Amino acid sequence: MESFWSCGSVDKNKAMVKNLQNYGVIKSRKVVEIMEKIDRGLFVQSGTPAYIDSPMQIGYNATISAPHMHATCLELLVDHLQPGMRVLDVGSGTGYLTACFAMMVGPQGRAVGVEHIPELIAFSIENISKSAASTLLKEGYLSVHVSDGRLGWADLAPYDAIHVGAAAPDIPEPLLSQLKPGGRMVIPVGTLFQDLKVVDKKLDGSVNIQSETSVRYVPLTSRDAQLRS
């Protein structure tokens, strides 16, 4: 353990990914590659132990999810994050998953993050600019916007993949309408008790919803309610 913490950030990040593989959270080679390229240490507050498997406070009553939850969501969406596809990250926070998504869909695709706290948008742009996804941000293939995530981002809809990083009491209708037929959304749903839901929109427009696991996320709510909580 001592040698782990004394090594460089890239080595720590790779060790984190290896641990997630060993525990069976990461199964696909693609998720390994992306999580190794996007250093989690660039996306947390200074002095925060970035590589332990725990959620972290990022200010404004928001958190960055634990690495195993990021890996879980990437695995659930991996088939819908192919080069050229479009992905929406709701509640993009520090920008970590938005950067991962952008790397997966590449310059042929588009990755969009929405977050209603302007200070977190500024923080995420700073973080992404230091990461392997910096070129995608600079050239406009990755963008982040100040917006109410419950409304999605209609400008670039429909999306092959939608990830929601906060728990909604119900699945917001705008997000469902912005999901492409054949696409998939991963969203925590519930209040006191929450489940990570996998929402698949079939080609005929019908929707199939399955529960993946019990989770605990901050609520998907208005900016004012979040700052008051």
Protein backbone atom coordinates (compact mmCIF):
# COMPACT_ATOMS: atom_id res chain seq x y z
CA MET A 1 0.00 0.00 0.00
CA GLU A 2 2.84 2.40 0.84
CA SER A 3 4.48 1.90 -2.56
CA PHE A 4 1.10 2.44 -4.24
CA TRP A 5 0.64 5.88 -2.69
CA SER A 6 4.24 6.91 -3.32
CA CYS A 7 4.12 6.22 -7.06
CA GLY A 8 3.14 8.81 -9.70
CA SER A 9 -0.43 9.72 -10.58
CA VAL A 10 -0.43 7.74 -13.84
CA ASP A 11 0.69 4.62 -11.98
CA LYS A 12 -1.90 5.21 -9.25
CA ASN A 13 -4.60 5.60 -11.87
CA LYS A 14 -3.56 2.37 -13.60
CA ALA A 15 -3.52 0.58 -10.24
CA MET A 16 -7.07 1.81 -9.58
CA VAL A 17 -8.21 0.47 -12.95
CA LYS A 18 -6.45 -2.85 -12.31
CA ASN A 19 -8.23 -3.20 -8.98
CA LEU A 20 -11.58 -2.59 -10.66
CA GLN A 21 -10.70 -5.30 -13.18
CA ASN A 22 -9.71 -7.72 -10.44
CA TYR A 23 -13.06 -7.19 -8.70
CA GLY A 24 -14.91 -7.83 -11.96
CA VAL A 25 -16.34 -4.30 -12.25
CA ILE A 26 -14.47 -3.62 -15.49
CA LYS A 27 -14.90 -6.37 -18.07
CA SER A 28 -14.21 -4.79 -21.46
CA ARG A 29 -10.85 -3.83 -22.91
CA LYS A 30 -12.29 -0.53 -24.17
CA VAL A 31 -13.25 0.63 -20.66
CA VAL A 32 -9.78 -0.32 -19.40
CA GLU A 33 -8.15 1.76 -22.15
CA ILE A 34 -10.31 4.82 -21.54
CA MET A 35 -10.04 4.80 -17.75
CA GLU A 36 -6.26 4.44 -18.05
CA LYS A 37 -6.09 7.39 -20.47
CA ILE A 38 -8.29 9.74 -18.41
CA ASP A 39 -6.50 10.27 -15.11
CA ARG A 40 -9.08 10.60 -12.32
CA GLY A 41 -6.57 12.64 -10.34
CA LEU A 42 -7.11 15.56 -12.72
CA PHE A 43 -10.82 15.71 -11.89
CA VAL A 44 -10.94 16.06 -8.11
CA GLN A 45 -10.22 18.89 -5.69
CA SER A 46 -6.55 19.41 -4.85
CA GLY A 47 -5.49 17.25 -1.93
CA THR A 48 -8.31 14.75 -2.43
CA PRO A 49 -7.32 11.05 -2.49
CA ALA A 50 -8.43 10.56 -6.08
CA TYR A 51 -7.77 6.85 -6.51
CA ILE A 52 -9.63 5.27 -3.59
CA ASP A 53 -12.98 3.68 -4.41
CA SER A 54 -15.18 6.28 -2.78
CA PRO A 55 -17.31 9.23 -3.86
CA MET A 56 -15.80 12.65 -3.15
CA GLN A 57 -17.33 16.02 -2.35
CA ILE A 58 -16.72 18.58 -5.10
CA GLY A 59 -18.54 21.52 -3.50
CA TYR A 60 -22.02 22.95 -4.12
CA ASN A 61 -23.60 19.88 -2.45
CA ALA A 62 -22.39 17.74 -5.33
CA THR A 63 -20.07 14.73 -5.54
CA ILE A 64 -17.90 12.89 -8.00
CA SER A 65 -18.98 9.25 -7.99
CA ALA A 66 -16.77 6.43 -6.77
CA PRO A 67 -14.56 4.86 -9.46
CA HIS A 68 -16.57 1.60 -9.39
CA MET A 69 -19.74 3.54 -10.30
CA HIS A 70 -17.98 5.28 -13.17
CA ALA A 71 -16.72 1.91 -14.40
CA THR A 72 -20.19 0.37 -14.02
CA CYS A 73 -21.80 3.11 -16.10
CA LEU A 74 -19.10 2.92 -18.77
CA GLU A 75 -19.60 -0.84 -19.01
CA LEU A 76 -23.39 -0.45 -19.29
CA LEU A 77 -23.00 2.12 -22.07
CA VAL A 78 -19.94 0.78 -23.90
CA ASP A 79 -21.89 -0.53 -26.93
CA HIS A 80 -23.54 2.89 -27.29
CA LEU A 81 -20.25 4.79 -27.12
CA GLN A 82 -18.79 3.68 -30.40
CA PRO A 83 -16.85 6.09 -32.64
CA GLY A 84 -19.22 8.52 -34.32
CA MET A 85 -22.01 8.23 -31.75
CA ARG A 86 -23.50 11.03 -29.64
CA VAL A 87 -23.59 11.04 -25.85
CA LEU A 88 -25.13 13.33 -23.24
CA ASP A 89 -23.75 13.52 -19.68
CA VAL A 90 -26.31 15.05 -17.31
CA GLY A 91 -24.85 16.49 -14.12
CA SER A 92 -21.36 16.46 -15.60
CA GLY A 93 -19.75 17.81 -12.42
CA THR A 94 -15.96 17.83 -12.64
CA GLY A 95 -16.06 16.55 -16.24
CA TYR A 96 -14.50 13.12 -15.64
CA LEU A 97 -17.10 10.93 -17.33
CA THR A 98 -17.74 13.52 -20.03
CA ALA A 99 -14.06 13.24 -20.93
CA CYS A 100 -14.24 9.44 -20.94
CA PHE A 101 -17.32 9.52 -23.15
CA ALA A 102 -15.66 11.94 -25.57
CA MET A 103 -12.62 9.69 -25.91
CA MET A 104 -14.86 6.73 -26.69
CA VAL A 105 -16.98 8.40 -29.39
CA GLY A 106 -13.98 10.27 -30.79
CA PRO A 107 -13.85 13.22 -33.19
CA GLN A 108 -16.43 11.54 -35.43
CA GLY A 109 -18.97 11.78 -32.59
CA ARG A 110 -20.09 14.36 -30.03
CA ALA A 111 -20.00 14.38 -26.23
CA VAL A 112 -22.05 16.96 -24.36
CA GLY A 113 -22.05 17.67 -20.63
CA VAL A 114 -24.71 19.72 -18.85
CA GLU A 115 -24.38 21.05 -15.32
CA HIS A 116 -26.35 23.82 -13.61
CA ILE A 117 -23.54 25.10 -11.38
CA PRO A 118 -21.44 27.57 -13.43
CA GLU A 119 -18.44 27.18 -11.12
CA LEU A 120 -18.40 23.42 -11.79
CA ILE A 121 -18.58 24.04 -15.53
CA ALA A 122 -15.49 26.25 -15.23
CA PHE A 123 -13.76 23.62 -13.08
CA SER A 124 -14.61 20.85 -15.56
CA ILE A 125 -13.25 22.83 -18.53
CA GLU A 126 -10.03 23.39 -16.59
CA ASN A 127 -9.81 19.68 -15.77
CA ILE A 128 -10.60 18.42 -19.26
CA SER A 129 -8.03 20.84 -20.69
CA LYS A 130 -5.32 19.03 -18.70
CA SER A 131 -6.48 15.57 -19.76
CA ALA A 132 -6.14 13.31 -22.80
CA ALA A 133 -9.49 14.72 -24.00
CA SER A 134 -8.16 18.28 -24.29
CA THR A 135 -7.94 18.25 -28.09
CA LEU A 136 -11.55 17.08 -28.38
CA LEU A 137 -12.62 19.99 -26.16
CA LYS A 138 -10.52 22.51 -28.09
CA GLU A 139 -11.88 21.37 -31.45
CA GLY A 140 -15.51 21.31 -30.29
CA TYR A 141 -16.20 17.58 -30.31
CA LEU A 142 -16.68 17.78 -26.54
CA SER A 143 -18.63 20.65 -24.96
CA VAL A 144 -20.07 21.45 -21.55
CA HIS A 145 -22.94 23.83 -20.89
CA VAL A 146 -24.68 25.52 -17.97
CA SER A 147 -28.20 24.11 -18.07
CA ASP A 148 -30.85 22.29 -16.04
CA GLY A 149 -29.97 18.65 -16.67
CA ARG A 150 -33.60 17.56 -16.32
CA LEU A 151 -34.18 19.27 -19.67
CA GLY A 152 -31.27 17.55 -21.39
CA TRP A 153 -29.60 19.35 -24.30
CA ALA A 154 -31.95 19.35 -27.28
CA ASP A 155 -29.53 21.10 -29.65
CA LEU A 156 -27.60 17.90 -30.40
CA ALA A 157 -30.32 15.30 -29.82
CA PRO A 158 -30.99 12.48 -30.40
CA TYR A 159 -28.30 10.71 -28.37
CA ASP A 160 -27.08 7.13 -28.65
CA ALA A 161 -26.20 7.23 -24.94
CA ILE A 162 -27.37 9.35 -22.00
CA HIS A 163 -25.76 9.17 -18.58
CA VAL A 164 -27.36 10.87 -15.58
CA GLY A 165 -25.14 11.49 -12.56
CA ALA A 166 -27.86 12.37 -10.02
CA ALA A 167 -31.03 10.62 -8.86
CA ALA A 168 -34.38 11.66 -10.32
CA PRO A 169 -37.68 10.74 -8.62
CA ASP A 170 -38.88 9.64 -12.07
CA ILE A 171 -37.25 9.45 -15.49
CA PRO A 172 -37.47 12.99 -16.96
CA GLU A 173 -39.55 13.00 -20.13
CA PRO A 174 -37.19 15.40 -22.01
CA LEU A 175 -34.31 12.94 -21.54
CA LEU A 176 -36.43 10.06 -22.77
CA SER A 177 -37.47 12.04 -25.84
CA GLN A 178 -33.83 12.94 -26.59
CA LEU A 179 -32.74 9.29 -26.49
CA LYS A 180 -32.29 7.88 -29.99
CA PRO A 181 -34.23 4.74 -31.00
CA GLY A 182 -31.73 1.95 -30.38
CA GLY A 183 -30.06 4.08 -27.68
CA ARG A 184 -29.54 3.52 -23.95
CA MET A 185 -29.82 5.75 -20.88
CA VAL A 186 -28.35 4.95 -17.47
CA ILE A 187 -30.03 6.90 -14.67
CA PRO A 188 -30.41 6.56 -10.89
CA VAL A 189 -34.10 6.74 -9.98
CA GLY A 190 -35.65 7.17 -6.55
CA THR A 191 -35.58 9.39 -3.49
CA LEU A 192 -34.84 7.65 -0.18
CA PHE A 193 -34.20 4.35 -1.98
CA GLN A 194 -32.62 4.48 -5.43
CA ASP A 195 -31.96 2.02 -8.23
CA LEU A 196 -29.65 2.45 -11.18
CA LYS A 197 -32.00 2.03 -14.13
CA VAL A 198 -30.99 0.94 -17.61
CA VAL A 199 -33.40 2.42 -20.14
CA ASP A 200 -33.31 0.97 -23.65
CA LYS A 201 -35.34 2.64 -26.40
CA LYS A 202 -36.17 0.11 -29.08
CA LEU A 203 -36.15 0.95 -32.77
CA ASP A 204 -39.96 1.18 -32.77
CA GLY A 205 -39.77 3.81 -30.00
CA SER A 206 -40.97 1.55 -27.19
CA VAL A 207 -38.97 1.56 -23.96
CA ASN A 208 -37.61 -1.23 -21.79
CA ILE A 209 -36.45 -0.39 -18.24
CA GLN A 210 -34.41 -2.68 -15.99
CA SER A 211 -32.88 -2.17 -12.54
CA GLU A 212 -29.14 -2.81 -12.41
CA THR A 213 -28.27 -2.23 -8.74
CA SER A 214 -29.15 -0.21 -5.64
CA VAL A 215 -27.30 3.11 -5.49
CA ARG A 216 -27.02 6.33 -3.51
CA TYR A 217 -26.71 9.55 -5.53
CA VAL A 218 -27.34 13.21 -4.79
CA PRO A 219 -30.76 14.32 -6.11
CA LEU A 220 -31.33 15.62 -9.63
CA THR A 221 -33.02 18.88 -8.79
CA SER A 222 -33.00 22.61 -9.46
CA ARG A 223 -29.87 24.68 -8.90
CA ASP A 224 -31.48 26.58 -6.02
CA ALA A 225 -32.67 23.40 -4.29
CA GLN A 226 -29.24 21.83 -4.64
CA LEU A 227 -27.49 24.82 -3.12
CA ARG A 228 -29.99 24.91 -0.23
CA SER A 229 -29.67 21.21 0.62
